[in-house]
Structures are given as structure tokens and as C-alpha cells.
């Protein structure tokens, strides 16, 4: 079955740091519960305090501090799921808690030659 990468973007990742402890724990529990869905293959949170962005500039690589490129949203983590096609991947993702927390989910199919 094809695999799809769900890239979790958020315009304000600092929002989670400002949640009261009980609300933060409830949010984390929802994300963790989503990993138990039968179509979920793996997931992980990305370190919000680091990263590098690499670009080619005049034939030489240029490395700058990240974790983001020219974007207004930060990619904070990912899920890898299995689905029949894009429509199925979207359908399976409609109840993802990231959407309830103001985030964006980018759905990308893993290329299979």
C-alpha cells in the first residue's frame, strides 16, 4: 500500500509552550492516540530549537540556521501513514488533532519507482 508523509506545520509553535500543563498533556495525549490508528506507520516531533537550511548560491552551498526556510509556518513533526491514494490519505487525516490546534497538514506521497 502507498505511504504518505503528513508534515505538520504551525504558524505559532510557541503556542504550545503557553498552554497550562493540563491542556498541554491533553493535547499530547490526542497526538499520541492518533499514532495508534491502524494506518499509522510512524511519527516523530522535530526539535524546535535547531535545524539548518541549505541552498545553492553561485555554485557554492550556503548554510543558515533553521528550522525553516522562507515560510510563515514551522514544520514541527511528521506522521507516516498508509493509504490507497491522496483522497484516502486526506480522509484518514481529517480527524488529526493538529488541525484542531490551528495547524496545517501537508500530505505528500512517498515516491515509489
PDB file of N, CA and C in Angstrom:
ATOM      1  N   UNK A   1       0.850  -1.184   0.000  1.00  0.00           N
ATOM      2  CA  UNK A   1       0.000   0.000   0.000  1.00  0.00           C
ATOM      3  C   UNK A   1       0.892   1.242   0.000  1.00  0.00           C
ATOM      4  N   UNK A   2       0.522   2.276  -0.755  1.00  0.00           N
ATOM      5  CA  UNK A   2       1.314   3.511  -0.789  1.00  0.00           C
ATOM      6  C   UNK A   2       1.415   4.168   0.594  1.00  0.00           C
ATOM      7  N   UNK A   3       2.527   4.865   0.798  1.00  0.00           N
ATOM      8  CA  UNK A   3       2.722   5.598   2.042  1.00  0.00           C
ATOM      9  C   UNK A   3       2.685   7.101   1.763  1.00  0.00           C
ATOM     10  N   UNK A   4       2.178   7.834   2.755  1.00  0.00           N
ATOM     11  CA  UNK A   4       2.046   9.285   2.662  1.00  0.00           C
ATOM     12  C   UNK A   4       2.669   9.925   3.889  1.00  0.00           C
ATOM     13  N   UNK A   5       3.411  10.990   3.655  1.00  0.00           N
ATOM     14  CA  UNK A   5       4.018  11.744   4.732  1.00  0.00           C
ATOM     15  C   UNK A   5       3.106  12.916   5.067  1.00  0.00           C
ATOM     16  N   UNK A   6       2.738  13.030   6.319  1.00  0.00           N
ATOM     17  CA  UNK A   6       1.942  14.156   6.799  1.00  0.00           C
ATOM     18  C   UNK A   6       2.902  15.102   7.512  1.00  0.00           C
ATOM     19  N   UNK A   7       3.194  16.234   6.909  1.00  0.00           N
ATOM     20  CA  UNK A   7       4.087  17.227   7.505  1.00  0.00           C
ATOM     21  C   UNK A   7       3.244  18.215   8.301  1.00  0.00           C
ATOM     22  N   UNK A   8       3.514  18.306   9.588  1.00  0.00           N
ATOM     23  CA  UNK A   8       2.722  19.162  10.473  1.00  0.00           C
ATOM     24  C   UNK A   8       3.370  20.540  10.571  1.00  0.00           C
ATOM     25  N   UNK A   9       2.660  21.535  10.049  1.00  0.00           N
ATOM     26  CA  UNK A   9       3.136  22.919  10.090  1.00  0.00           C
ATOM     27  C   UNK A   9       2.271  23.700  11.065  1.00  0.00           C
ATOM     28  N   UNK A  10       2.863  24.717  11.685  1.00  0.00           N
ATOM     29  CA  UNK A  10       2.084  25.569  12.584  1.00  0.00           C
ATOM     30  C   UNK A  10       2.610  26.994  12.493  1.00  0.00           C
ATOM     31  N   UNK A  11       1.701  27.990  12.424  1.00  0.00           N
ATOM     32  CA  UNK A  11       2.148  29.382  12.334  1.00  0.00           C
ATOM     33  C   UNK A  11       2.707  29.905  13.657  1.00  0.00           C
ATOM     34  N   UNK A  12       2.378  29.237  14.776  1.00  0.00           N
ATOM     35  CA  UNK A  12       2.816  29.723  16.078  1.00  0.00           C
ATOM     36  C   UNK A  12       3.144  28.541  16.989  1.00  0.00           C
ATOM     37  N   UNK A  13       4.279  27.868  16.770  1.00  0.00           N
ATOM     38  CA  UNK A  13       4.603  26.714  17.605  1.00  0.00           C
ATOM     39  C   UNK A  13       4.819  27.066  19.073  1.00  0.00           C
ATOM     40  N   UNK A  14       5.111  28.324  19.354  1.00  0.00           N
ATOM     41  CA  UNK A  14       5.280  28.750  20.749  1.00  0.00           C
ATOM     42  C   UNK A  14       3.973  28.662  21.526  1.00  0.00           C
ATOM     43  N   UNK A  15       2.845  28.576  20.805  1.00  0.00           N
ATOM     44  CA  UNK A  15       1.536  28.497  21.432  1.00  0.00           C
ATOM     45  C   UNK A  15       1.461  27.337  22.420  1.00  0.00           C
ATOM     46  N   UNK A  16       2.083  26.214  22.055  1.00  0.00           N
ATOM     47  CA  UNK A  16       2.024  25.032  22.910  1.00  0.00           C
ATOM     48  C   UNK A  16       2.767  25.244  24.226  1.00  0.00           C
ATOM     49  N   UNK A  17       3.837  26.049  24.205  1.00  0.00           N
ATOM     50  CA  UNK A  17       4.583  26.334  25.429  1.00  0.00           C
ATOM     51  C   UNK A  17       3.771  27.170  26.410  1.00  0.00           C
ATOM     52  N   UNK A  18       2.777  27.884  25.900  1.00  0.00           N
ATOM     53  CA  UNK A  18       1.980  28.769  26.740  1.00  0.00           C
ATOM     54  C   UNK A  18       0.728  28.098  27.305  1.00  0.00           C
ATOM     55  N   UNK A  19       0.468  26.858  26.890  1.00  0.00           N
ATOM     56  CA  UNK A  19      -0.713  26.153  27.397  1.00  0.00           C
ATOM     57  C   UNK A  19      -0.512  25.770  28.856  1.00  0.00           C
ATOM     58  N   UNK A  20      -1.583  25.814  29.654  1.00  0.00           N
ATOM     59  CA  UNK A  20      -1.489  25.292  31.022  1.00  0.00           C
ATOM     60  C   UNK A  20      -1.117  23.808  30.971  1.00  0.00           C
ATOM     61  N   UNK A  21      -0.416  23.300  31.982  1.00  0.00           N
ATOM     62  CA  UNK A  21       0.055  21.916  31.956  1.00  0.00           C
ATOM     63  C   UNK A  21      -1.027  20.879  31.644  1.00  0.00           C
ATOM     64  N   UNK A  22      -2.222  21.042  32.191  1.00  0.00           N
ATOM     65  CA  UNK A  22      -3.285  20.052  31.934  1.00  0.00           C
ATOM     66  C   UNK A  22      -3.746  20.096  30.473  1.00  0.00           C
ATOM     67  N   UNK A  23      -3.809  21.275  29.872  1.00  0.00           N
ATOM     68  CA  UNK A  23      -4.192  21.393  28.464  1.00  0.00           C
ATOM     69  C   UNK A  23      -3.094  20.844  27.559  1.00  0.00           C
ATOM     70  N   UNK A  24      -1.840  21.082  27.924  1.00  0.00           N
ATOM     71  CA  UNK A  24      -0.724  20.561  27.145  1.00  0.00           C
ATOM     72  C   UNK A  24      -0.729  19.034  27.176  1.00  0.00           C
ATOM     73  N   UNK A  25      -0.935  18.450  28.354  1.00  0.00           N
ATOM     74  CA  UNK A  25      -0.985  16.994  28.474  1.00  0.00           C
ATOM     75  C   UNK A  25      -2.144  16.414  27.665  1.00  0.00           C
ATOM     76  N   UNK A  26      -3.287  17.091  27.671  1.00  0.00           N
ATOM     77  CA  UNK A  26      -4.444  16.622  26.890  1.00  0.00           C
ATOM     78  C   UNK A  26      -4.134  16.673  25.392  1.00  0.00           C
ATOM     79  N   UNK A  27      -3.464  17.730  24.955  1.00  0.00           N
ATOM     80  CA  UNK A  27      -3.099  17.850  23.538  1.00  0.00           C
ATOM     81  C   UNK A  27      -2.118  16.749  23.150  1.00  0.00           C
ATOM     82  N   UNK A  28      -1.113  16.524  23.975  1.00  0.00           N
ATOM     83  CA  UNK A  28      -0.133  15.467  23.696  1.00  0.00           C
ATOM     84  C   UNK A  28      -0.818  14.110  23.637  1.00  0.00           C
ATOM     85  N   UNK A  29      -1.755  13.869  24.539  1.00  0.00           N
ATOM     86  CA  UNK A  29      -2.482  12.590  24.557  1.00  0.00           C
ATOM     87  C   UNK A  29      -3.246  12.380  23.252  1.00  0.00           C
ATOM     88  N   UNK A  30      -3.820  13.441  22.700  1.00  0.00           N
ATOM     89  CA  UNK A  30      -4.549  13.318  21.426  1.00  0.00           C
ATOM     90  C   UNK A  30      -3.611  12.964  20.285  1.00  0.00           C
ATOM     91  N   UNK A  31      -2.442  13.595  20.258  1.00  0.00           N
ATOM     92  CA  UNK A  31      -1.457  13.283  19.220  1.00  0.00           C
ATOM     93  C   UNK A  31      -0.986  11.836  19.366  1.00  0.00           C
ATOM     94  N   UNK A  32      -0.709  11.420  20.589  1.00  0.00           N
ATOM     95  CA  UNK A  32      -0.231  10.051  20.825  1.00  0.00           C
ATOM     96  C   UNK A  32      -1.307   9.031  20.463  1.00  0.00           C
ATOM     97  N   UNK A  33      -2.549   9.331  20.767  1.00  0.00           N
ATOM     98  CA  UNK A  33      -3.641   8.417  20.412  1.00  0.00           C
ATOM     99  C   UNK A  33      -3.734   8.259  18.902  1.00  0.00           C
ATOM    100  N   UNK A  34      -3.459   9.329  18.174  1.00  0.00           N
ATOM    101  CA  UNK A  34      -3.544   9.262  16.712  1.00  0.00           C
ATOM    102  C   UNK A  34      -2.508   8.304  16.144  1.00  0.00           C
ATOM    103  N   UNK A  35      -1.368   8.143  16.851  1.00  0.00           N
ATOM    104  CA  UNK A  35      -0.336   7.217  16.375  1.00  0.00           C
ATOM    105  C   UNK A  35      -0.788   5.763  16.467  1.00  0.00           C
ATOM    106  N   UNK A  36      -1.849   5.505  17.203  1.00  0.00           N
ATOM    107  CA  UNK A  36      -2.343   4.137  17.372  1.00  0.00           C
ATOM    108  C   UNK A  36      -3.343   3.727  16.292  1.00  0.00           C
ATOM    109  N   UNK A  37      -3.658   4.619  15.383  1.00  0.00           N
ATOM    110  CA  UNK A  37      -4.572   4.285  14.292  1.00  0.00           C
ATOM    111  C   UNK A  37      -3.944   3.171  13.456  1.00  0.00           C
ATOM    112  N   UNK A  38      -4.758   2.267  12.917  1.00  0.00           N
ATOM    113  CA  UNK A  38      -4.191   1.115  12.198  1.00  0.00           C
ATOM    114  C   UNK A  38      -3.391   1.474  10.947  1.00  0.00           C
ATOM    115  N   UNK A  39      -3.624   2.624  10.355  1.00  0.00           N
ATOM    116  CA  UNK A  39      -2.918   3.018   9.142  1.00  0.00           C
ATOM    117  C   UNK A  39      -1.659   3.828   9.431  1.00  0.00           C
ATOM    118  N   UNK A  40      -1.423   4.157  10.710  1.00  0.00           N
ATOM    119  CA  UNK A  40      -0.258   4.961  11.084  1.00  0.00           C
ATOM    120  C   UNK A  40       0.983   4.071  11.133  1.00  0.00           C
ATOM    121  N   UNK A  41       2.030   4.465  10.419  1.00  0.00           N
ATOM    122  CA  UNK A  41       3.260   3.681  10.349  1.00  0.00           C
ATOM    123  C   UNK A  41       4.271   4.190  11.370  1.00  0.00           C
ATOM    124  N   UNK A  42       4.488   5.508  11.395  1.00  0.00           N
ATOM    125  CA  UNK A  42       5.430   6.096  12.350  1.00  0.00           C
ATOM    126  C   UNK A  42       5.164   7.591  12.467  1.00  0.00           C
ATOM    127  N   UNK A  43       5.771   8.189  13.469  1.00  0.00           N
ATOM    128  CA  UNK A  43       5.654   9.635  13.649  1.00  0.00           C
ATOM    129  C   UNK A  43       6.800  10.099  14.530  1.00  0.00           C
ATOM    130  N   UNK A  44       7.047  11.409  14.503  1.00  0.00           N
ATOM    131  CA  UNK A  44       8.044  11.978  15.370  1.00  0.00           C
ATOM    132  C   UNK A  44       7.916  13.481  15.393  1.00  0.00           C
ATOM    133  N   UNK A  45       8.298  14.060  16.514  1.00  0.00           N
ATOM    134  CA  UNK A  45       8.335  15.503  16.650  1.00  0.00           C
ATOM    135  C   UNK A  45       9.729  15.957  16.262  1.00  0.00           C
ATOM    136  N   UNK A  46       9.825  17.083  15.602  1.00  0.00           N
ATOM    137  CA  UNK A  46      11.120  17.651  15.248  1.00  0.00           C
ATOM    138  C   UNK A  46      11.563  18.612  16.346  1.00  0.00           C
ATOM    139  N   UNK A  47      12.850  18.712  16.570  1.00  0.00           N
ATOM    140  CA  UNK A  47      13.406  19.592  17.585  1.00  0.00           C
ATOM    141  C   UNK A  47      13.159  21.042  17.178  1.00  0.00           C
ATOM    142  N   UNK A  48      12.399  21.792  17.977  1.00  0.00           N
ATOM    143  CA  UNK A  48      12.073  23.168  17.597  1.00  0.00           C
ATOM    144  C   UNK A  48      13.238  24.143  17.776  1.00  0.00           C
ATOM    145  N   UNK A  49      14.296  23.721  18.442  1.00  0.00           N
ATOM    146  CA  UNK A  49      15.393  24.633  18.763  1.00  0.00           C
ATOM    147  C   UNK A  49      16.591  24.515  17.834  1.00  0.00           C
ATOM    148  N   UNK A  50      16.443  23.800  16.741  1.00  0.00           N
ATOM    149  CA  UNK A  50      17.600  23.651  15.877  1.00  0.00           C
ATOM    150  C   UNK A  50      17.207  23.450  14.439  1.00  0.00           C
ATOM    151  N   UNK A  51      18.180  23.179  13.639  1.00  0.00           N
ATOM    152  CA  UNK A  51      17.950  22.931  12.231  1.00  0.00           C
ATOM    153  C   UNK A  51      18.844  23.811  11.384  1.00  0.00           C
ATOM    154  N   UNK A  52      19.009  23.405  10.162  1.00  0.00           N
ATOM    155  CA  UNK A  52      19.792  24.176   9.200  1.00  0.00           C
ATOM    156  C   UNK A  52      19.052  24.174   7.876  1.00  0.00           C
ATOM    157  N   UNK A  53      19.193  25.254   7.135  1.00  0.00           N
ATOM    158  CA  UNK A  53      18.630  25.365   5.799  1.00  0.00           C
ATOM    159  C   UNK A  53      19.812  25.478   4.846  1.00  0.00           C
ATOM    160  N   UNK A  54      19.777  24.641   3.810  1.00  0.00           N
ATOM    161  CA  UNK A  54      20.867  24.633   2.839  1.00  0.00           C
ATOM    162  C   UNK A  54      20.343  25.049   1.476  1.00  0.00           C
ATOM    163  N   UNK A  55      21.086  25.943   0.817  1.00  0.00           N
ATOM    164  CA  UNK A  55      20.736  26.407  -0.520  1.00  0.00           C
ATOM    165  C   UNK A  55      22.008  26.516  -1.340  1.00  0.00           C
ATOM    166  N   UNK A  56      21.840  26.447  -2.635  1.00  0.00           N
ATOM    167  CA  UNK A  56      22.952  26.675  -3.562  1.00  0.00           C
ATOM    168  C   UNK A  56      22.942  28.155  -3.912  1.00  0.00           C
ATOM    169  N   UNK A  57      24.103  28.806  -3.811  1.00  0.00           N
ATOM    170  CA  UNK A  57      24.189  30.223  -4.127  1.00  0.00           C
ATOM    171  C   UNK A  57      25.478  30.453  -4.911  1.00  0.00           C
ATOM    172  N   UNK A  58      25.345  30.722  -6.198  1.00  0.00           N
ATOM    173  CA  UNK A  58      26.520  30.982  -7.026  1.00  0.00           C
ATOM    174  C   UNK A  58      27.465  29.794  -7.118  1.00  0.00           C
ATOM    175  N   UNK A  59      26.914  28.595  -7.095  1.00  0.00           N
ATOM    176  CA  UNK A  59      27.737  27.397  -7.215  1.00  0.00           C
ATOM    177  C   UNK A  59      28.279  26.862  -5.908  1.00  0.00           C
ATOM    178  N   UNK A  60      28.028  27.570  -4.817  1.00  0.00           N
ATOM    179  CA  UNK A  60      28.506  27.110  -3.513  1.00  0.00           C
ATOM    180  C   UNK A  60      27.323  26.923  -2.564  1.00  0.00           C
ATOM    181  N   UNK A  61      27.383  25.886  -1.736  1.00  0.00           N
ATOM    182  CA  UNK A  61      26.319  25.717  -0.763  1.00  0.00           C
ATOM    183  C   UNK A  61      26.407  26.776   0.337  1.00  0.00           C
ATOM    184  N   UNK A  62      25.262  27.293   0.714  1.00  0.00           N
ATOM    185  CA  UNK A  62      25.164  28.257   1.803  1.00  0.00           C
ATOM    186  C   UNK A  62      24.285  27.626   2.873  1.00  0.00           C
ATOM    187  N   UNK A  63      24.764  27.623   4.108  1.00  0.00           N
ATOM    188  CA  UNK A  63      24.031  27.019   5.218  1.00  0.00           C
ATOM    189  C   UNK A  63      23.655  28.125   6.191  1.00  0.00           C
ATOM    190  N   UNK A  64      22.367  28.182   6.532  1.00  0.00           N
ATOM    191  CA  UNK A  64      21.895  29.145   7.517  1.00  0.00           C
ATOM    192  C   UNK A  64      21.149  28.398   8.617  1.00  0.00           C
ATOM    193  N   UNK A  65      21.019  29.059   9.763  1.00  0.00           N
ATOM    194  CA  UNK A  65      20.270  28.454  10.854  1.00  0.00           C
ATOM    195  C   UNK A  65      18.814  28.323  10.460  1.00  0.00           C
ATOM    196  N   UNK A  66      18.181  27.239  10.895  1.00  0.00           N
ATOM    197  CA  UNK A  66      16.775  26.968  10.629  1.00  0.00           C
ATOM    198  C   UNK A  66      16.011  27.023  11.919  1.00  0.00           C
ATOM    199  N   UNK A  67      14.914  26.424  11.990  1.00  0.00           N
ATOM    200  CA  UNK A  67      14.401  25.225  11.324  1.00  0.00           C
ATOM    201  C   UNK A  67      13.495  25.489  10.143  1.00  0.00           C
ATOM    202  N   UNK A  68      13.545  26.648   9.554  1.00  0.00           N
ATOM    203  CA  UNK A  68      12.597  26.923   8.485  1.00  0.00           C
ATOM    204  C   UNK A  68      13.275  27.677   7.358  1.00  0.00           C
ATOM    205  N   UNK A  69      12.681  27.579   6.168  1.00  0.00           N
ATOM    206  CA  UNK A  69      13.128  28.364   5.036  1.00  0.00           C
ATOM    207  C   UNK A  69      12.311  29.637   4.987  1.00  0.00           C
ATOM    208  N   UNK A  70      11.997  30.086   3.823  1.00  0.00           N
ATOM    209  CA  UNK A  70      11.172  31.278   3.653  1.00  0.00           C
ATOM    210  C   UNK A  70       9.713  30.888   3.818  1.00  0.00           C
ATOM    211  N   UNK A  71       9.271  30.825   5.052  1.00  0.00           N
ATOM    212  CA  UNK A  71       7.917  30.388   5.337  1.00  0.00           C
ATOM    213  C   UNK A  71       7.384  31.082   6.571  1.00  0.00           C
ATOM    214  N   UNK A  72       6.088  31.127   6.693  1.00  0.00           N
ATOM    215  CA  UNK A  72       5.474  31.711   7.878  1.00  0.00           C
ATOM    216  C   UNK A  72       5.044  30.635   8.854  1.00  0.00           C
ATOM    217  N   UNK A  73       5.222  29.371   8.463  1.00  0.00           N
ATOM    218  CA  UNK A  73       4.859  28.266   9.328  1.00  0.00           C
ATOM    219  C   UNK A  73       6.086  27.387   9.555  1.00  0.00           C
ATOM    220  N   UNK A  74       6.167  26.796  10.730  1.00  0.00           N
ATOM    221  CA  UNK A  74       7.278  25.931  11.081  1.00  0.00           C
ATOM    222  C   UNK A  74       6.811  24.487  11.013  1.00  0.00           C
ATOM    223  N   UNK A  75       7.620  23.628  10.386  1.00  0.00           N
ATOM    224  CA  UNK A  75       7.324  22.203  10.358  1.00  0.00           C
ATOM    225  C   UNK A  75       7.801  21.621  11.683  1.00  0.00           C
ATOM    226  N   UNK A  76       6.854  21.135  12.477  1.00  0.00           N
ATOM    227  CA  UNK A  76       7.186  20.676  13.819  1.00  0.00           C
ATOM    228  C   UNK A  76       7.228  19.176  13.982  1.00  0.00           C
ATOM    229  N   UNK A  77       6.805  18.435  12.973  1.00  0.00           N
ATOM    230  CA  UNK A  77       6.816  16.990  13.093  1.00  0.00           C
ATOM    231  C   UNK A  77       6.182  16.342  11.886  1.00  0.00           C
ATOM    232  N   UNK A  78       6.075  15.026  11.947  1.00  0.00           N
ATOM    233  CA  UNK A  78       5.505  14.304  10.815  1.00  0.00           C
ATOM    234  C   UNK A  78       4.842  13.016  11.273  1.00  0.00           C
ATOM    235  N   UNK A  79       3.975  12.516  10.449  1.00  0.00           N
ATOM    236  CA  UNK A  79       3.391  11.183  10.572  1.00  0.00           C
ATOM    237  C   UNK A  79       3.578  10.505   9.228  1.00  0.00           C
ATOM    238  N   UNK A  80       3.824   9.228   9.240  1.00  0.00           N
ATOM    239  CA  UNK A  80       3.892   8.430   8.033  1.00  0.00           C
ATOM    240  C   UNK A  80       2.718   7.460   8.093  1.00  0.00           C
ATOM    241  N   UNK A  81       1.848   7.523   7.082  1.00  0.00           N
ATOM    242  CA  UNK A  81       0.666   6.663   7.077  1.00  0.00           C
ATOM    243  C   UNK A  81       0.602   5.864   5.783  1.00  0.00           C
ATOM    244  N   UNK A  82      -0.237   4.860   5.778  1.00  0.00           N
ATOM    245  CA  UNK A  82      -0.527   4.092   4.576  1.00  0.00           C
ATOM    246  C   UNK A  82      -1.953   4.384   4.149  1.00  0.00           C
ATOM    247  N   UNK A  83      -2.139   4.623   2.852  1.00  0.00           N
ATOM    248  CA  UNK A  83      -3.463   4.922   2.302  1.00  0.00           C
ATOM    249  C   UNK A  83      -3.479   4.504   0.834  1.00  0.00           C
ATOM    250  N   UNK A  84      -4.665   4.299   0.311  1.00  0.00           N
ATOM    251  CA  UNK A  84      -4.815   3.848  -1.076  1.00  0.00           C
ATOM    252  C   UNK A  84      -4.383   4.914  -2.080  1.00  0.00           C
ATOM    253  N   UNK A  85      -4.696   6.192  -1.797  1.00  0.00           N
ATOM    254  CA  UNK A  85      -4.394   7.295  -2.696  1.00  0.00           C
ATOM    255  C   UNK A  85      -4.504   8.596  -1.909  1.00  0.00           C
ATOM    256  N   UNK A  86      -4.322   9.726  -2.593  1.00  0.00           N
ATOM    257  CA  UNK A  86      -4.404  11.018  -1.894  1.00  0.00           C
ATOM    258  C   UNK A  86      -5.766  11.227  -1.230  1.00  0.00           C
ATOM    259  N   UNK A  87      -6.835  10.894  -1.924  1.00  0.00           N
ATOM    260  CA  UNK A  87      -8.169  11.080  -1.341  1.00  0.00           C
ATOM    261  C   UNK A  87      -8.316  10.282  -0.053  1.00  0.00           C
ATOM    262  N   UNK A  88      -7.817   9.056  -0.055  1.00  0.00           N
ATOM    263  CA  UNK A  88      -7.887   8.217   1.139  1.00  0.00           C
ATOM    264  C   UNK A  88      -7.014   8.791   2.248  1.00  0.00           C
ATOM    265  N   UNK A  89      -5.817   9.274   1.905  1.00  0.00           N
ATOM    266  CA  UNK A  89      -4.929   9.868   2.906  1.00  0.00           C
ATOM    267  C   UNK A  89      -5.579  11.081   3.556  1.00  0.00           C
ATOM    268  N   UNK A  90      -6.226  11.909   2.756  1.00  0.00           N
ATOM    269  CA  UNK A  90      -6.907  13.086   3.295  1.00  0.00           C
ATOM    270  C   UNK A  90      -8.068  12.653   4.192  1.00  0.00           C
ATOM    271  N   UNK A  91      -8.846  11.698   3.735  1.00  0.00           N
ATOM    272  CA  UNK A  91      -9.987  11.215   4.523  1.00  0.00           C
ATOM    273  C   UNK A  91      -9.514  10.687   5.878  1.00  0.00           C
ATOM    274  N   UNK A  92      -8.432   9.925   5.877  1.00  0.00           N
ATOM    275  CA  UNK A  92      -7.914   9.354   7.114  1.00  0.00           C
ATOM    276  C   UNK A  92      -7.363  10.414   8.063  1.00  0.00           C
ATOM    277  N   UNK A  93      -7.001  11.560   7.529  1.00  0.00           N
ATOM    278  CA  UNK A  93      -6.342  12.605   8.303  1.00  0.00           C
ATOM    279  C   UNK A  93      -7.302  13.691   8.806  1.00  0.00           C
ATOM    280  N   UNK A  94      -8.535  13.656   8.374  1.00  0.00           N
ATOM    281  CA  UNK A  94      -9.487  14.719   8.725  1.00  0.00           C
ATOM    282  C   UNK A  94      -9.671  14.913  10.228  1.00  0.00           C
ATOM    283  N   UNK A  95      -9.454  13.869  11.017  1.00  0.00           N
ATOM    284  CA  UNK A  95      -9.648  13.998  12.465  1.00  0.00           C
ATOM    285  C   UNK A  95      -8.331  14.200  13.223  1.00  0.00           C
ATOM    286  N   UNK A  96      -7.260  14.539  12.514  1.00  0.00           N
ATOM    287  CA  UNK A  96      -5.964  14.713  13.175  1.00  0.00           C
ATOM    288  C   UNK A  96      -6.030  15.900  14.134  1.00  0.00           C
ATOM    289  N   UNK A  97      -5.543  15.747  15.375  1.00  0.00           N
ATOM    290  CA  UNK A  97      -5.625  16.834  16.356  1.00  0.00           C
ATOM    291  C   UNK A  97      -4.860  18.089  15.962  1.00  0.00           C
ATOM    292  N   UNK A  98      -3.893  17.968  15.065  1.00  0.00           N
ATOM    293  CA  UNK A  98      -3.122  19.146  14.661  1.00  0.00           C
ATOM    294  C   UNK A  98      -4.026  20.198  14.021  1.00  0.00           C
ATOM    295  N   UNK A  99      -5.029  19.744  13.297  1.00  0.00           N
ATOM    296  CA  UNK A  99      -5.981  20.683  12.681  1.00  0.00           C
ATOM    297  C   UNK A  99      -6.776  21.426  13.745  1.00  0.00           C
ATOM    298  N   UNK A 100      -7.079  20.751  14.837  1.00  0.00           N
ATOM    299  CA  UNK A 100      -7.848  21.365  15.930  1.00  0.00           C
ATOM    300  C   UNK A 100      -7.023  22.405  16.690  1.00  0.00           C
ATOM    301  N   UNK A 101      -5.710  22.361  16.534  1.00  0.00           N
ATOM    302  CA  UNK A 101      -4.828  23.295  17.231  1.00  0.00           C
ATOM    303  C   UNK A 101      -4.307  24.393  16.304  1.00  0.00           C
ATOM    304  N   UNK A 102      -5.002  24.607  15.185  1.00  0.00           N
ATOM    305  CA  UNK A 102      -4.650  25.703  14.288  1.00  0.00           C
ATOM    306  C   UNK A 102      -3.515  25.401  13.327  1.00  0.00           C
ATOM    307  N   UNK A 103      -3.138  24.141  13.223  1.00  0.00           N
ATOM    308  CA  UNK A 103      -2.035  23.773  12.358  1.00  0.00           C
ATOM    309  C   UNK A 103      -2.475  23.431  10.942  1.00  0.00           C
ATOM    310  N   UNK A 104      -1.498  23.267  10.088  1.00  0.00           N
ATOM    311  CA  UNK A 104      -1.682  22.874   8.695  1.00  0.00           C
ATOM    312  C   UNK A 104      -1.006  21.523   8.509  1.00  0.00           C
ATOM    313  N   UNK A 105      -1.623  20.648   7.723  1.00  0.00           N
ATOM    314  CA  UNK A 105      -1.015  19.355   7.425  1.00  0.00           C
ATOM    315  C   UNK A 105      -0.777  19.273   5.924  1.00  0.00           C
ATOM    316  N   UNK A 106       0.477  19.095   5.560  1.00  0.00           N
ATOM    317  CA  UNK A 106       0.845  18.906   4.160  1.00  0.00           C
ATOM    318  C   UNK A 106       0.907  17.404   3.905  1.00  0.00           C
ATOM    319  N   UNK A 107       0.150  16.912   2.939  1.00  0.00           N
ATOM    320  CA  UNK A 107       0.093  15.490   2.621  1.00  0.00           C
ATOM    321  C   UNK A 107       0.923  15.240   1.371  1.00  0.00           C
ATOM    322  N   UNK A 108       1.954  14.391   1.488  1.00  0.00           N
ATOM    323  CA  UNK A 108       2.839  14.097   0.372  1.00  0.00           C
ATOM    324  C   UNK A 108       2.991  12.595   0.222  1.00  0.00           C
ATOM    325  N   UNK A 109       2.849  12.122  -0.995  1.00  0.00           N
ATOM    326  CA  UNK A 109       3.004  10.697  -1.273  1.00  0.00           C
ATOM    327  C   UNK A 109       4.493  10.353  -1.361  1.00  0.00           C
ATOM    328  N   UNK A 110       4.872   9.246  -0.743  1.00  0.00           N
ATOM    329  CA  UNK A 110       6.240   8.753  -0.846  1.00  0.00           C
ATOM    330  C   UNK A 110       6.404   8.143  -2.239  1.00  0.00           C
ATOM    331  N   UNK A 111       7.404   8.587  -2.952  1.00  0.00           N
ATOM    332  CA  UNK A 111       7.617   8.137  -4.322  1.00  0.00           C
ATOM    333  C   UNK A 111       8.054   6.683  -4.336  1.00  0.00           C
ATOM    334  N   UNK A 112       7.427   5.913  -5.201  1.00  0.00           N
ATOM    335  CA  UNK A 112       7.792   4.521  -5.394  1.00  0.00           C
ATOM    336  C   UNK A 112       8.042   4.309  -6.877  1.00  0.00           C
ATOM    337  N   UNK A 113       9.295   4.043  -7.278  1.00  0.00           N
ATOM    338  CA  UNK A 113       9.600   3.871  -8.701  1.00  0.00           C
ATOM    339  C   UNK A 113       8.932   2.646  -9.292  1.00  0.00           C
TER     340      UNK A 113
END
